[in-house]
Amino acid sequence: MPKQKSHRGLLKRIKLTKTGKVRFKAPNSRHIKSNKTGEQVQSYRKSRYARSGDLRYLKKLLNRGLRSEERSVADEKAREAAKAAK
């Protein structure tokens, strides 16, 4: 039985954080910036995180479990609430 391999093209375009979130660079940020506003160009500099809707196909391509930014924020709020309740 052959090994399950991660999609190499996808791995070159994303970075997996320690917590399992998927970080990537914004699309349309490489060139042809003259017709974009300064606010748009500035926003392209920030890294983006994969949303929960994208994770279904990313999990299939990478053969591993992943977390969305929304899930991470929700978990963090739950931990803070539990800590405050103690």
Protein backbone atom coordinates (compact mmCIF):
# COMPACT_ATOMS: atom_id res chain seq x y z
CA MET A 1 0.00 0.00 0.00
CA PRO A 2 1.54 3.37 -1.00
CA LYS A 3 2.08 6.10 1.57
CA GLN A 4 -0.35 8.99 1.90
CA LYS A 5 1.55 12.09 0.82
CA SER A 6 0.81 15.76 1.35
CA HIS A 7 0.14 17.90 -1.71
CA ARG A 8 3.56 19.40 -2.44
CA GLY A 9 2.24 22.38 -4.41
CA LEU A 10 -0.01 23.40 -1.54
CA LEU A 11 2.78 23.03 1.01
CA LYS A 12 4.88 25.52 -0.97
CA ARG A 13 2.12 28.14 -0.73
CA ILE A 14 1.09 27.82 2.92
CA LYS A 15 2.63 27.54 6.35
CA LEU A 16 1.16 25.35 9.06
CA THR A 17 1.41 26.90 12.51
CA LYS A 18 2.18 24.93 15.64
CA THR A 19 -1.50 24.94 16.64
CA GLY A 20 -2.58 23.57 13.24
CA LYS A 21 -3.80 26.79 11.63
CA VAL A 22 -3.08 27.41 7.95
CA ARG A 23 -1.34 30.71 7.17
CA PHE A 24 -0.96 32.03 3.62
CA LYS A 25 -0.21 35.22 1.71
CA ALA A 26 -3.05 37.30 0.30
CA PRO A 27 -3.93 36.72 -3.36
CA ASN A 28 -3.56 39.58 -5.92
CA SER A 29 -0.67 41.03 -3.92
CA ARG A 30 2.25 40.40 -6.28
CA HIS A 31 2.03 42.98 -9.07
CA ILE A 32 -0.25 45.47 -10.87
CA LYS A 33 -0.71 47.57 -7.75
CA SER A 34 -1.08 50.91 -9.55
CA ASN A 35 -4.85 50.55 -9.87
CA LYS A 36 -5.30 49.53 -6.21
CA THR A 37 -5.74 51.89 -3.27
CA GLY A 38 -3.02 52.29 -0.67
CA GLU A 39 -5.30 50.68 1.90
CA GLN A 40 -5.63 47.58 -0.28
CA VAL A 41 -1.87 47.36 -0.83
CA GLN A 42 -1.20 47.68 2.92
CA SER A 43 -3.67 44.92 3.69
CA TYR A 44 -1.83 42.58 1.31
CA ARG A 45 1.26 42.69 3.57
CA LYS A 46 -0.50 40.83 6.37
CA SER A 47 -0.66 37.07 6.43
CA ARG A 48 -4.09 35.52 6.23
CA TYR A 49 -5.46 32.43 7.97
CA ALA A 50 -7.65 29.80 6.36
CA ARG A 51 -11.32 30.05 7.29
CA SER A 52 -13.46 27.13 8.35
CA GLY A 53 -15.06 26.78 4.90
CA ASP A 54 -11.69 26.21 3.23
CA LEU A 55 -10.48 23.55 5.64
CA ARG A 56 -12.51 20.69 4.17
CA TYR A 57 -10.47 20.53 0.96
CA LEU A 58 -7.21 21.54 2.68
CA LYS A 59 -7.52 18.57 5.06
CA LYS A 60 -7.91 16.25 2.09
CA LEU A 61 -4.87 17.65 0.29
CA LEU A 62 -2.66 17.56 3.38
CA ASN A 63 -3.97 14.33 4.94
CA ARG A 64 -4.09 15.82 8.44
CA GLY A 65 -6.37 17.67 10.82
CA LEU A 66 -6.37 21.46 10.77
CA ARG A 67 -7.89 24.32 12.78
CA SER A 68 -9.56 27.46 11.50
CA GLU A 69 -8.97 30.92 12.93
CA GLU A 70 -12.58 31.00 14.16
CA ARG A 71 -12.12 27.73 16.05
CA SER A 72 -8.91 28.98 17.66
CA VAL A 73 -10.57 32.21 18.81
CA ALA A 74 -13.58 30.30 20.18
CA ASP A 75 -11.31 27.90 22.09
CA GLU A 76 -9.31 30.78 23.54
CA LYS A 77 -12.49 32.53 24.74
CA ALA A 78 -13.69 29.29 26.32
CA ARG A 79 -10.37 28.90 28.17
CA GLU A 80 -10.57 32.50 29.45
CA ALA A 81 -14.16 31.96 30.61
CA ALA A 82 -13.19 28.77 32.43
CA LYS A 83 -10.26 30.54 34.05
CA ALA A 84 -12.51 33.44 35.15
CA ALA A 85 -15.09 30.99 36.60
CA LYS A 86 -12.48 29.44 38.93
